[in-house]
Every structure is written in C-alpha cells, then in structure tokens.
Amino acid sequence: MKIKQTAGRTQLGSIAEEFAKVNDDILFGEVWSKDDAISIRDRILLTISVLTTKGIFDSSFEYHVFNAKQNGITIEEISDAITHIAFYAGWPNGWAAFNVVKKVYGIQ
C-alpha cells in the first residue's frame, strides 16, 4: 500500500523544507509504504506503542490512533494493546493514551 503524505510540506514546508521532505517522502512514502515482513496493521500498533511509551499524546498520536481505526483495528484490540503497554510504559501513559482513543473512536 502506497501512502501519500503531505502533512510535512503543508505544516513545515516553508520553514523546514528538508524535514518536511524526509517526513513525507521517506518516513511515510517509503518506510510506512513497505509491504514486507511487517504489515501496516503491525506498524500502526508498534507506532502507538512507542508513542505511548514516550508519553507523546499530541496530534501525531491522534493521527496514528485514527489510522488504527481506519485500518480495522477494533476498540477491543487497541484497548488490549494499551493495557499491556501501560504495565511497561507507566499507568499514567495508559490513561493519557485512552483519552485520545476515546476521542477518536467516539466513546464518551
């Protein structure tokens, strides 16, 4: 699956052209688009895991949770993954991740 990403150029192109190019063309255009040993589903779960572990719950985390939903990862699957991650990444990080998940999955 080829991913077309333009967020880097849209948000940073005028001040960080090289960063934007690497984000859009390399990270998403090549790394995320690879269809080999790691599926897109696994890449999404790995990314959510790393961002949760690092305590990064900004718009990039929300994007990856939205991506999970769009790629068929159920609320049960993402909930189980975050519960597991929280034991290693810290319980507060789990809470923070679930706040974003609830928003993206439309849960009160």
PDB file of N, CA and C in Angstrom:
ATOM      1  N   MET A   1       0.838  -1.164   0.000  1.00  0.00           N
ATOM      2  CA  MET A   1       0.000   0.000   0.000  1.00  0.00           C
ATOM      3  C   MET A   1       0.893   1.240   0.000  1.00  0.00           C
ATOM      4  N   LYS A   2       0.722   2.079  -0.969  1.00  0.00           N
ATOM      5  CA  LYS A   2       1.495   3.315  -1.068  1.00  0.00           C
ATOM      6  C   LYS A   2       0.771   4.422  -0.312  1.00  0.00           C
ATOM      7  N   ILE A   3       1.481   5.019   0.636  1.00  0.00           N
ATOM      8  CA  ILE A   3       0.904   6.087   1.440  1.00  0.00           C
ATOM      9  C   ILE A   3       1.367   7.424   0.886  1.00  0.00           C
ATOM     10  N   LYS A   4       0.421   8.300   0.629  1.00  0.00           N
ATOM     11  CA  LYS A   4       0.726   9.651   0.147  1.00  0.00           C
ATOM     12  C   LYS A   4       0.541  10.604   1.313  1.00  0.00           C
ATOM     13  N   GLN A   5       1.633  11.164   1.790  1.00  0.00           N
ATOM     14  CA  GLN A   5       1.617  12.048   2.947  1.00  0.00           C
ATOM     15  C   GLN A   5       2.045  13.446   2.512  1.00  0.00           C
ATOM     16  N   THR A   6       1.321  14.437   2.943  1.00  0.00           N
ATOM     17  CA  THR A   6       1.667  15.822   2.623  1.00  0.00           C
ATOM     18  C   THR A   6       1.722  16.704   3.867  1.00  0.00           C
ATOM     19  N   ALA A   7       1.507  16.129   5.043  1.00  0.00           N
ATOM     20  CA  ALA A   7       1.465  16.929   6.280  1.00  0.00           C
ATOM     21  C   ALA A   7       2.763  17.687   6.515  1.00  0.00           C
ATOM     22  N   GLY A   8       3.892  17.059   6.236  1.00  0.00           N
ATOM     23  CA  GLY A   8       5.172  17.737   6.437  1.00  0.00           C
ATOM     24  C   GLY A   8       5.279  18.995   5.612  1.00  0.00           C
ATOM     25  N   ARG A   9       5.003  18.868   4.340  1.00  0.00           N
ATOM     26  CA  ARG A   9       5.089  20.037   3.452  1.00  0.00           C
ATOM     27  C   ARG A   9       4.030  21.080   3.799  1.00  0.00           C
ATOM     28  N   THR A  10       2.828  20.609   4.141  1.00  0.00           N
ATOM     29  CA  THR A  10       1.745  21.535   4.474  1.00  0.00           C
ATOM     30  C   THR A  10       2.062  22.324   5.736  1.00  0.00           C
ATOM     31  N   GLN A  11       2.570  21.651   6.756  1.00  0.00           N
ATOM     32  CA  GLN A  11       2.764  22.305   8.047  1.00  0.00           C
ATOM     33  C   GLN A  11       4.151  22.913   8.228  1.00  0.00           C
ATOM     34  N   LEU A  12       5.173  22.346   7.577  1.00  0.00           N
ATOM     35  CA  LEU A  12       6.543  22.802   7.819  1.00  0.00           C
ATOM     36  C   LEU A  12       7.321  23.197   6.574  1.00  0.00           C
ATOM     37  N   GLY A  13       6.727  22.997   5.418  1.00  0.00           N
ATOM     38  CA  GLY A  13       7.446  23.228   4.173  1.00  0.00           C
ATOM     39  C   GLY A  13       8.084  24.586   4.023  1.00  0.00           C
ATOM     40  N   SER A  14       7.465  25.604   4.582  1.00  0.00           N
ATOM     41  CA  SER A  14       8.004  26.953   4.423  1.00  0.00           C
ATOM     42  C   SER A  14       9.170  27.251   5.363  1.00  0.00           C
ATOM     43  N   ILE A  15       9.304  26.480   6.452  1.00  0.00           N
ATOM     44  CA  ILE A  15      10.398  26.753   7.399  1.00  0.00           C
ATOM     45  C   ILE A  15      11.393  25.605   7.536  1.00  0.00           C
ATOM     46  N   ALA A  16      10.979  24.395   7.164  1.00  0.00           N
ATOM     47  CA  ALA A  16      11.855  23.230   7.320  1.00  0.00           C
ATOM     48  C   ALA A  16      11.655  22.293   6.136  1.00  0.00           C
ATOM     49  N   GLU A  17      12.047  22.770   4.978  1.00  0.00           N
ATOM     50  CA  GLU A  17      11.795  22.048   3.737  1.00  0.00           C
ATOM     51  C   GLU A  17      12.369  20.635   3.740  1.00  0.00           C
ATOM     52  N   GLU A  18      13.605  20.462   4.189  1.00  0.00           N
ATOM     53  CA  GLU A  18      14.238  19.138   4.191  1.00  0.00           C
ATOM     54  C   GLU A  18      13.541  18.198   5.164  1.00  0.00           C
ATOM     55  N   PHE A  19      13.213  18.671   6.363  1.00  0.00           N
ATOM     56  CA  PHE A  19      12.494  17.870   7.353  1.00  0.00           C
ATOM     57  C   PHE A  19      11.157  17.419   6.776  1.00  0.00           C
ATOM     58  N   ALA A  20      10.437  18.348   6.152  1.00  0.00           N
ATOM     59  CA  ALA A  20       9.140  18.038   5.559  1.00  0.00           C
ATOM     60  C   ALA A  20       9.275  16.992   4.459  1.00  0.00           C
ATOM     61  N   LYS A  21      10.292  17.137   3.643  1.00  0.00           N
ATOM     62  CA  LYS A  21      10.530  16.183   2.553  1.00  0.00           C
ATOM     63  C   LYS A  21      10.818  14.789   3.110  1.00  0.00           C
ATOM     64  N   VAL A  22      11.676  14.693   4.116  1.00  0.00           N
ATOM     65  CA  VAL A  22      12.005  13.392   4.709  1.00  0.00           C
ATOM     66  C   VAL A  22      10.755  12.779   5.348  1.00  0.00           C
ATOM     67  N   ASN A  23       9.973  13.607   6.055  1.00  0.00           N
ATOM     68  CA  ASN A  23       8.742  13.123   6.674  1.00  0.00           C
ATOM     69  C   ASN A  23       7.801  12.528   5.626  1.00  0.00           C
ATOM     70  N   ASP A  24       7.529  13.295   4.593  1.00  0.00           N
ATOM     71  CA  ASP A  24       6.539  12.879   3.600  1.00  0.00           C
ATOM     72  C   ASP A  24       7.040  11.787   2.664  1.00  0.00           C
ATOM     73  N   ASP A  25       8.271  11.937   2.170  1.00  0.00           N
ATOM     74  CA  ASP A  25       8.771  11.026   1.141  1.00  0.00           C
ATOM     75  C   ASP A  25       9.453   9.774   1.692  1.00  0.00           C
ATOM     76  N   ILE A  26      10.222   9.927   2.763  1.00  0.00           N
ATOM     77  CA  ILE A  26      10.955   8.783   3.303  1.00  0.00           C
ATOM     78  C   ILE A  26      10.126   8.053   4.354  1.00  0.00           C
ATOM     79  N   LEU A  27       9.779   8.761   5.444  1.00  0.00           N
ATOM     80  CA  LEU A  27       9.058   8.091   6.528  1.00  0.00           C
ATOM     81  C   LEU A  27       7.746   7.488   6.043  1.00  0.00           C
ATOM     82  N   PHE A  28       6.891   8.310   5.446  1.00  0.00           N
ATOM     83  CA  PHE A  28       5.597   7.783   5.016  1.00  0.00           C
ATOM     84  C   PHE A  28       5.652   7.183   3.611  1.00  0.00           C
ATOM     85  N   GLY A  29       6.353   7.816   2.701  1.00  0.00           N
ATOM     86  CA  GLY A  29       6.402   7.327   1.322  1.00  0.00           C
ATOM     87  C   GLY A  29       7.148   6.020   1.147  1.00  0.00           C
ATOM     88  N   GLU A  30       8.178   5.779   1.964  1.00  0.00           N
ATOM     89  CA  GLU A  30       8.952   4.545   1.838  1.00  0.00           C
ATOM     90  C   GLU A  30       8.770   3.612   3.034  1.00  0.00           C
ATOM     91  N   VAL A  31       9.059   4.083   4.241  1.00  0.00           N
ATOM     92  CA  VAL A  31       9.017   3.201   5.409  1.00  0.00           C
ATOM     93  C   VAL A  31       7.599   2.693   5.671  1.00  0.00           C
ATOM     94  N   TRP A  32       6.638   3.598   5.761  1.00  0.00           N
ATOM     95  CA  TRP A  32       5.260   3.177   6.032  1.00  0.00           C
ATOM     96  C   TRP A  32       4.644   2.421   4.858  1.00  0.00           C
ATOM     97  N   SER A  33       5.125   2.652   3.664  1.00  0.00           N
ATOM     98  CA  SER A  33       4.541   2.011   2.484  1.00  0.00           C
ATOM     99  C   SER A  33       5.135   0.641   2.180  1.00  0.00           C
ATOM    100  N   LYS A  34       6.180   0.258   2.912  1.00  0.00           N
ATOM    101  CA  LYS A  34       6.773  -1.058   2.674  1.00  0.00           C
ATOM    102  C   LYS A  34       5.745  -2.138   2.964  1.00  0.00           C
ATOM    103  N   ASP A  35       5.701  -3.119   2.109  1.00  0.00           N
ATOM    104  CA  ASP A  35       4.758  -4.224   2.280  1.00  0.00           C
ATOM    105  C   ASP A  35       5.555  -5.524   2.346  1.00  0.00           C
ATOM    106  N   ASP A  36       6.300  -5.664   3.443  1.00  0.00           N
ATOM    107  CA  ASP A  36       7.137  -6.846   3.572  1.00  0.00           C
ATOM    108  C   ASP A  36       6.812  -7.582   4.864  1.00  0.00           C
ATOM    109  N   ALA A  37       7.777  -7.814   5.695  1.00  0.00           N
ATOM    110  CA  ALA A  37       7.602  -8.635   6.893  1.00  0.00           C
ATOM    111  C   ALA A  37       6.673  -8.014   7.929  1.00  0.00           C
ATOM    112  N   ILE A  38       6.559  -6.695   7.961  1.00  0.00           N
ATOM    113  CA  ILE A  38       5.700  -6.033   8.935  1.00  0.00           C
ATOM    114  C   ILE A  38       4.513  -5.409   8.201  1.00  0.00           C
ATOM    115  N   SER A  39       3.333  -5.847   8.558  1.00  0.00           N
ATOM    116  CA  SER A  39       2.116  -5.326   7.916  1.00  0.00           C
ATOM    117  C   SER A  39       1.835  -3.901   8.380  1.00  0.00           C
ATOM    118  N   ILE A  40       0.964  -3.213   7.667  1.00  0.00           N
ATOM    119  CA  ILE A  40       0.571  -1.856   8.052  1.00  0.00           C
ATOM    120  C   ILE A  40      -0.088  -1.880   9.426  1.00  0.00           C
ATOM    121  N   ARG A  41      -0.865  -2.919   9.682  1.00  0.00           N
ATOM    122  CA  ARG A  41      -1.531  -3.076  10.985  1.00  0.00           C
ATOM    123  C   ARG A  41      -0.496  -3.156  12.105  1.00  0.00           C
ATOM    124  N   ASP A  42       0.534  -3.952  11.900  1.00  0.00           N
ATOM    125  CA  ASP A  42       1.593  -4.079  12.907  1.00  0.00           C
ATOM    126  C   ASP A  42       2.375  -2.777  13.047  1.00  0.00           C
ATOM    127  N   ARG A  43       2.623  -2.081  11.945  1.00  0.00           N
ATOM    128  CA  ARG A  43       3.327  -0.792  12.014  1.00  0.00           C
ATOM    129  C   ARG A  43       2.527   0.211  12.857  1.00  0.00           C
ATOM    130  N   ILE A  44       1.218   0.213  12.672  1.00  0.00           N
ATOM    131  CA  ILE A  44       0.362   1.111  13.442  1.00  0.00           C
ATOM    132  C   ILE A  44       0.458   0.794  14.925  1.00  0.00           C
ATOM    133  N   LEU A  45       0.317  -0.481  15.279  1.00  0.00           N
ATOM    134  CA  LEU A  45       0.378  -0.869  16.690  1.00  0.00           C
ATOM    135  C   LEU A  45       1.753  -0.609  17.291  1.00  0.00           C
ATOM    136  N   LEU A  46       2.799  -0.822  16.518  1.00  0.00           N
ATOM    137  CA  LEU A  46       4.149  -0.507  17.001  1.00  0.00           C
ATOM    138  C   LEU A  46       4.300   0.994  17.254  1.00  0.00           C
ATOM    139  N   THR A  47       3.804   1.794  16.347  1.00  0.00           N
ATOM    140  CA  THR A  47       3.917   3.246  16.486  1.00  0.00           C
ATOM    141  C   THR A  47       3.132   3.739  17.697  1.00  0.00           C
ATOM    142  N   ILE A  48       1.915   3.249  17.870  1.00  0.00           N
ATOM    143  CA  ILE A  48       1.123   3.615  19.043  1.00  0.00           C
ATOM    144  C   ILE A  48       1.840   3.192  20.316  1.00  0.00           C
ATOM    145  N   SER A  49       2.456   2.025  20.287  1.00  0.00           N
ATOM    146  CA  SER A  49       3.214   1.542  21.456  1.00  0.00           C
ATOM    147  C   SER A  49       4.371   2.461  21.798  1.00  0.00           C
ATOM    148  N   VAL A  50       5.144   2.838  20.803  1.00  0.00           N
ATOM    149  CA  VAL A  50       6.307   3.697  21.047  1.00  0.00           C
ATOM    150  C   VAL A  50       5.869   5.073  21.525  1.00  0.00           C
ATOM    151  N   LEU A  51       4.879   5.663  20.879  1.00  0.00           N
ATOM    152  CA  LEU A  51       4.424   6.989  21.294  1.00  0.00           C
ATOM    153  C   LEU A  51       3.857   6.962  22.713  1.00  0.00           C
ATOM    154  N   THR A  52       3.128   5.899  23.053  1.00  0.00           N
ATOM    155  CA  THR A  52       2.606   5.762  24.417  1.00  0.00           C
ATOM    156  C   THR A  52       3.753   5.642  25.409  1.00  0.00           C
ATOM    157  N   THR A  53       4.736   4.834  25.080  1.00  0.00           N
ATOM    158  CA  THR A  53       5.889   4.646  25.956  1.00  0.00           C
ATOM    159  C   THR A  53       6.632   5.953  26.183  1.00  0.00           C
ATOM    160  N   LYS A  54       6.746   6.762  25.139  1.00  0.00           N
ATOM    161  CA  LYS A  54       7.471   8.036  25.243  1.00  0.00           C
ATOM    162  C   LYS A  54       6.603   9.155  25.836  1.00  0.00           C
ATOM    163  N   GLY A  55       5.318   8.886  26.026  1.00  0.00           N
ATOM    164  CA  GLY A  55       4.434   9.909  26.580  1.00  0.00           C
ATOM    165  C   GLY A  55       4.078  10.992  25.585  1.00  0.00           C
ATOM    166  N   ILE A  56       4.005  10.647  24.313  1.00  0.00           N
ATOM    167  CA  ILE A  56       3.683  11.616  23.265  1.00  0.00           C
ATOM    168  C   ILE A  56       2.220  11.422  22.864  1.00  0.00           C
ATOM    169  N   PHE A  57       1.377  12.362  23.270  1.00  0.00           N
ATOM    170  CA  PHE A  57      -0.061  12.253  23.023  1.00  0.00           C
ATOM    171  C   PHE A  57      -0.586  13.466  22.266  1.00  0.00           C
ATOM    172  N   ASP A  58       0.228  13.986  21.376  1.00  0.00           N
ATOM    173  CA  ASP A  58      -0.124  15.162  20.590  1.00  0.00           C
ATOM    174  C   ASP A  58      -0.922  14.760  19.355  1.00  0.00           C
ATOM    175  N   SER A  59      -0.968  15.639  18.388  1.00  0.00           N
ATOM    176  CA  SER A  59      -1.722  15.363  17.160  1.00  0.00           C
ATOM    177  C   SER A  59      -1.159  14.171  16.389  1.00  0.00           C
ATOM    178  N   SER A  60       0.135  13.897  16.533  1.00  0.00           N
ATOM    179  CA  SER A  60       0.687  12.728  15.837  1.00  0.00           C
ATOM    180  C   SER A  60       0.131  11.435  16.425  1.00  0.00           C
ATOM    181  N   PHE A  61      -0.017  11.388  17.748  1.00  0.00           N
ATOM    182  CA  PHE A  61      -0.610  10.204  18.377  1.00  0.00           C
ATOM    183  C   PHE A  61      -2.059  10.051  17.917  1.00  0.00           C
ATOM    184  N   GLU A  62      -2.791  11.150  17.930  1.00  0.00           N
ATOM    185  CA  GLU A  62      -4.183  11.100  17.481  1.00  0.00           C
ATOM    186  C   GLU A  62      -4.267  10.624  16.034  1.00  0.00           C
ATOM    187  N   TYR A  63      -3.349  11.083  15.182  1.00  0.00           N
ATOM    188  CA  TYR A  63      -3.315  10.634  13.788  1.00  0.00           C
ATOM    189  C   TYR A  63      -3.139   9.120  13.707  1.00  0.00           C
ATOM    190  N   HIS A  64      -2.228   8.572  14.495  1.00  0.00           N
ATOM    191  CA  HIS A  64      -1.959   7.132  14.431  1.00  0.00           C
ATOM    192  C   HIS A  64      -3.109   6.320  15.015  1.00  0.00           C
ATOM    193  N   VAL A  65      -3.805   6.851  16.011  1.00  0.00           N
ATOM    194  CA  VAL A  65      -4.995   6.168  16.526  1.00  0.00           C
ATOM    195  C   VAL A  65      -6.095   6.204  15.459  1.00  0.00           C
ATOM    196  N   PHE A  66      -6.266   7.334  14.803  1.00  0.00           N
ATOM    197  CA  PHE A  66      -7.227   7.432  13.703  1.00  0.00           C
ATOM    198  C   PHE A  66      -6.865   6.445  12.595  1.00  0.00           C
ATOM    199  N   ASN A  67      -5.577   6.355  12.295  1.00  0.00           N
ATOM    200  CA  ASN A  67      -5.085   5.414  11.292  1.00  0.00           C
ATOM    201  C   ASN A  67      -5.419   3.979  11.704  1.00  0.00           C
ATOM    202  N   ALA A  68      -5.300   3.683  12.992  1.00  0.00           N
ATOM    203  CA  ALA A  68      -5.651   2.352  13.501  1.00  0.00           C
ATOM    204  C   ALA A  68      -7.120   2.056  13.219  1.00  0.00           C
ATOM    205  N   LYS A  69      -7.958   3.011  13.562  1.00  0.00           N
ATOM    206  CA  LYS A  69      -9.399   2.844  13.346  1.00  0.00           C
ATOM    207  C   LYS A  69      -9.705   2.644  11.868  1.00  0.00           C
ATOM    208  N   GLN A  70      -9.086   3.462  11.007  1.00  0.00           N
ATOM    209  CA  GLN A  70      -9.313   3.375   9.558  1.00  0.00           C
ATOM    210  C   GLN A  70      -8.827   2.048   8.972  1.00  0.00           C
ATOM    211  N   ASN A  71      -7.870   1.423   9.637  1.00  0.00           N
ATOM    212  CA  ASN A  71      -7.315   0.163   9.141  1.00  0.00           C
ATOM    213  C   ASN A  71      -7.887  -1.059   9.854  1.00  0.00           C
ATOM    214  N   GLY A  72      -9.026  -0.875  10.499  1.00  0.00           N
ATOM    215  CA  GLY A  72      -9.768  -2.003  11.044  1.00  0.00           C
ATOM    216  C   GLY A  72      -9.341  -2.500  12.418  1.00  0.00           C
ATOM    217  N   ILE A  73      -8.488  -1.759  13.103  1.00  0.00           N
ATOM    218  CA  ILE A  73      -8.117  -2.160  14.455  1.00  0.00           C
ATOM    219  C   ILE A  73      -9.281  -1.781  15.370  1.00  0.00           C
ATOM    220  N   THR A  74      -9.853  -2.778  16.004  1.00  0.00           N
ATOM    221  CA  THR A  74     -11.046  -2.566  16.812  1.00  0.00           C
ATOM    222  C   THR A  74     -10.705  -1.893  18.133  1.00  0.00           C
ATOM    223  N   ILE A  75     -11.735  -1.364  18.771  1.00  0.00           N
ATOM    224  CA  ILE A  75     -11.556  -0.746  20.076  1.00  0.00           C
ATOM    225  C   ILE A  75     -11.064  -1.789  21.082  1.00  0.00           C
ATOM    226  N   GLU A  76     -11.518  -3.013  20.940  1.00  0.00           N
ATOM    227  CA  GLU A  76     -11.072  -4.079  21.838  1.00  0.00           C
ATOM    228  C   GLU A  76      -9.580  -4.358  21.652  1.00  0.00           C
ATOM    229  N   GLU A  77      -9.139  -4.373  20.412  1.00  0.00           N
ATOM    230  CA  GLU A  77      -7.718  -4.630  20.136  1.00  0.00           C
ATOM    231  C   GLU A  77      -6.826  -3.508  20.639  1.00  0.00           C
ATOM    232  N   ILE A  78      -7.206  -2.273  20.360  1.00  0.00           N
ATOM    233  CA  ILE A  78      -6.371  -1.151  20.793  1.00  0.00           C
ATOM    234  C   ILE A  78      -6.398  -1.025  22.314  1.00  0.00           C
ATOM    235  N   SER A  79      -7.546  -1.317  22.924  1.00  0.00           N
ATOM    236  CA  SER A  79      -7.640  -1.282  24.388  1.00  0.00           C
ATOM    237  C   SER A  79      -6.748  -2.341  25.024  1.00  0.00           C
ATOM    238  N   ASP A  80      -6.750  -3.527  24.467  1.00  0.00           N
ATOM    239  CA  ASP A  80      -5.904  -4.594  24.990  1.00  0.00           C
ATOM    240  C   ASP A  80      -4.428  -4.237  24.831  1.00  0.00           C
ATOM    241  N   ALA A  81      -4.091  -3.666  23.679  1.00  0.00           N
ATOM    242  CA  ALA A  81      -2.694  -3.271  23.436  1.00  0.00           C
ATOM    243  C   ALA A  81      -2.248  -2.197  24.427  1.00  0.00           C
ATOM    244  N   ILE A  82      -3.064  -1.182  24.635  1.00  0.00           N
ATOM    245  CA  ILE A  82      -2.671  -0.098  25.543  1.00  0.00           C
ATOM    246  C   ILE A  82      -2.615  -0.583  26.987  1.00  0.00           C
ATOM    247  N   THR A  83      -3.528  -1.460  27.375  1.00  0.00           N
ATOM    248  CA  THR A  83      -3.473  -2.025  28.728  1.00  0.00           C
ATOM    249  C   THR A  83      -2.157  -2.762  28.928  1.00  0.00           C
ATOM    250  N   HIS A  84      -1.767  -3.545  27.946  1.00  0.00           N
ATOM    251  CA  HIS A  84      -0.491  -4.271  28.019  1.00  0.00           C
ATOM    252  C   HIS A  84       0.685  -3.289  28.086  1.00  0.00           C
ATOM    253  N   ILE A  85       0.669  -2.296  27.234  1.00  0.00           N
ATOM    254  CA  ILE A  85       1.746  -1.298  27.175  1.00  0.00           C
ATOM    255  C   ILE A  85       1.873  -0.565  28.510  1.00  0.00           C
ATOM    256  N   ALA A  86       0.747  -0.262  29.146  1.00  0.00           N
ATOM    257  CA  ALA A  86       0.751   0.531  30.376  1.00  0.00           C
ATOM    258  C   ALA A  86       1.561  -0.121  31.494  1.00  0.00           C
ATOM    259  N   PHE A  87       1.627  -1.435  31.510  1.00  0.00           N
ATOM    260  CA  PHE A  87       2.429  -2.112  32.529  1.00  0.00           C
ATOM    261  C   PHE A  87       3.914  -1.801  32.370  1.00  0.00           C
ATOM    262  N   TYR A  88       4.343  -1.535  31.171  1.00  0.00           N
ATOM    263  CA  TYR A  88       5.748  -1.273  30.884  1.00  0.00           C
ATOM    264  C   TYR A  88       6.041   0.218  30.717  1.00  0.00           C
ATOM    265  N   ALA A  89       5.077   0.965  30.198  1.00  0.00           N
ATOM    266  CA  ALA A  89       5.289   2.381  29.897  1.00  0.00           C
ATOM    267  C   ALA A  89       4.845   3.292  31.027  1.00  0.00           C
ATOM    268  N   GLY A  90       4.066   2.770  31.943  1.00  0.00           N
ATOM    269  CA  GLY A  90       3.549   3.566  33.044  1.00  0.00           C
ATOM    270  C   GLY A  90       2.048   3.729  32.945  1.00  0.00           C
ATOM    271  N   TRP A  91       1.410   3.571  34.083  1.00  0.00           N
ATOM    272  CA  TRP A  91      -0.046   3.651  34.132  1.00  0.00           C
ATOM    273  C   TRP A  91      -0.579   5.009  33.678  1.00  0.00           C
ATOM    274  N   PRO A  92       0.053   6.127  34.074  1.00  0.00           N
ATOM    275  CA  PRO A  92      -0.431   7.430  33.584  1.00  0.00           C
ATOM    276  C   PRO A  92      -0.373   7.543  32.059  1.00  0.00           C
ATOM    277  N   ASN A  93       0.623   6.939  31.436  1.00  0.00           N
ATOM    278  CA  ASN A  93       0.688   6.960  29.973  1.00  0.00           C
ATOM    279  C   ASN A  93      -0.482   6.189  29.370  1.00  0.00           C
ATOM    280  N   GLY A  94      -0.871   5.102  30.024  1.00  0.00           N
ATOM    281  CA  GLY A  94      -2.043   4.359  29.565  1.00  0.00           C
ATOM    282  C   GLY A  94      -3.297   5.210  29.624  1.00  0.00           C
ATOM    283  N   TRP A  95      -3.477   5.925  30.764  1.00  0.00           N
ATOM    284  CA  TRP A  95      -4.625   6.812  30.899  1.00  0.00           C
ATOM    285  C   TRP A  95      -4.634   7.875  29.799  1.00  0.00           C
ATOM    286  N   ALA A  96      -3.502   8.476  29.564  1.00  0.00           N
ATOM    287  CA  ALA A  96      -3.412   9.526  28.546  1.00  0.00           C
ATOM    288  C   ALA A  96      -3.726   8.968  27.157  1.00  0.00           C
ATOM    289  N   ALA A  97      -3.224   7.777  26.873  1.00  0.00           N
ATOM    290  CA  ALA A  97      -3.499   7.150  25.577  1.00  0.00           C
ATOM    291  C   ALA A  97      -4.992   6.882  25.420  1.00  0.00           C
ATOM    292  N   PHE A  98      -5.615   6.370  26.487  1.00  0.00           N
ATOM    293  CA  PHE A  98      -7.048   6.073  26.403  1.00  0.00           C
ATOM    294  C   PHE A  98      -7.890   7.332  26.199  1.00  0.00           C
ATOM    295  N   ASN A  99      -7.466   8.467  26.723  1.00  0.00           N
ATOM    296  CA  ASN A  99      -8.205   9.707  26.489  1.00  0.00           C
ATOM    297  C   ASN A  99      -8.263  10.033  25.004  1.00  0.00           C
ATOM    298  N   VAL A 100      -7.168   9.820  24.298  1.00  0.00           N
ATOM    299  CA  VAL A 100      -7.146  10.061  22.850  1.00  0.00           C
ATOM    300  C   VAL A 100      -7.959   8.993  22.126  1.00  0.00           C
ATOM    301  N   VAL A 101      -7.802   7.747  22.518  1.00  0.00           N
ATOM    302  CA  VAL A 101      -8.540   6.645  21.881  1.00  0.00           C
ATOM    303  C   VAL A 101     -10.047   6.883  21.990  1.00  0.00           C
ATOM    304  N   LYS A 102     -10.504   7.279  23.169  1.00  0.00           N
ATOM    305  CA  LYS A 102     -11.932   7.546  23.354  1.00  0.00           C
ATOM    306  C   LYS A 102     -12.412   8.627  22.389  1.00  0.00           C
ATOM    307  N   LYS A 103     -11.631   9.666  22.237  1.00  0.00           N
ATOM    308  CA  LYS A 103     -11.990  10.761  21.327  1.00  0.00           C
ATOM    309  C   LYS A 103     -12.088  10.257  19.885  1.00  0.00           C
ATOM    310  N   VAL A 104     -11.059   9.549  19.439  1.00  0.00           N
ATOM    311  CA  VAL A 104     -11.011   9.091  18.046  1.00  0.00           C
ATOM    312  C   VAL A 104     -12.094   8.056  17.748  1.00  0.00           C
ATOM    313  N   TYR A 105     -12.338   7.150  18.685  1.00  0.00           N
ATOM    314  CA  TYR A 105     -13.327   6.098  18.470  1.00  0.00           C
ATOM    315  C   TYR A 105     -14.746   6.544  18.842  1.00  0.00           C
ATOM    316  N   GLY A 106     -14.893   7.799  19.288  1.00  0.00           N
ATOM    317  CA  GLY A 106     -16.209   8.352  19.581  1.00  0.00           C
ATOM    318  C   GLY A 106     -16.874   7.744  20.796  1.00  0.00           C
ATOM    319  N   ILE A 107     -16.091   7.521  21.843  1.00  0.00           N
ATOM    320  CA  ILE A 107     -16.605   6.907  23.074  1.00  0.00           C
ATOM    321  C   ILE A 107     -16.626   7.966  24.165  1.00  0.00           C
ATOM    322  N   GLN A 108     -17.722   8.036  24.878  1.00  0.00           N
ATOM    323  CA  GLN A 108     -17.860   9.013  25.972  1.00  0.00           C
ATOM    324  C   GLN A 108     -17.157   8.570  27.202  1.00  0.00           C
TER     325      GLN A 108
END
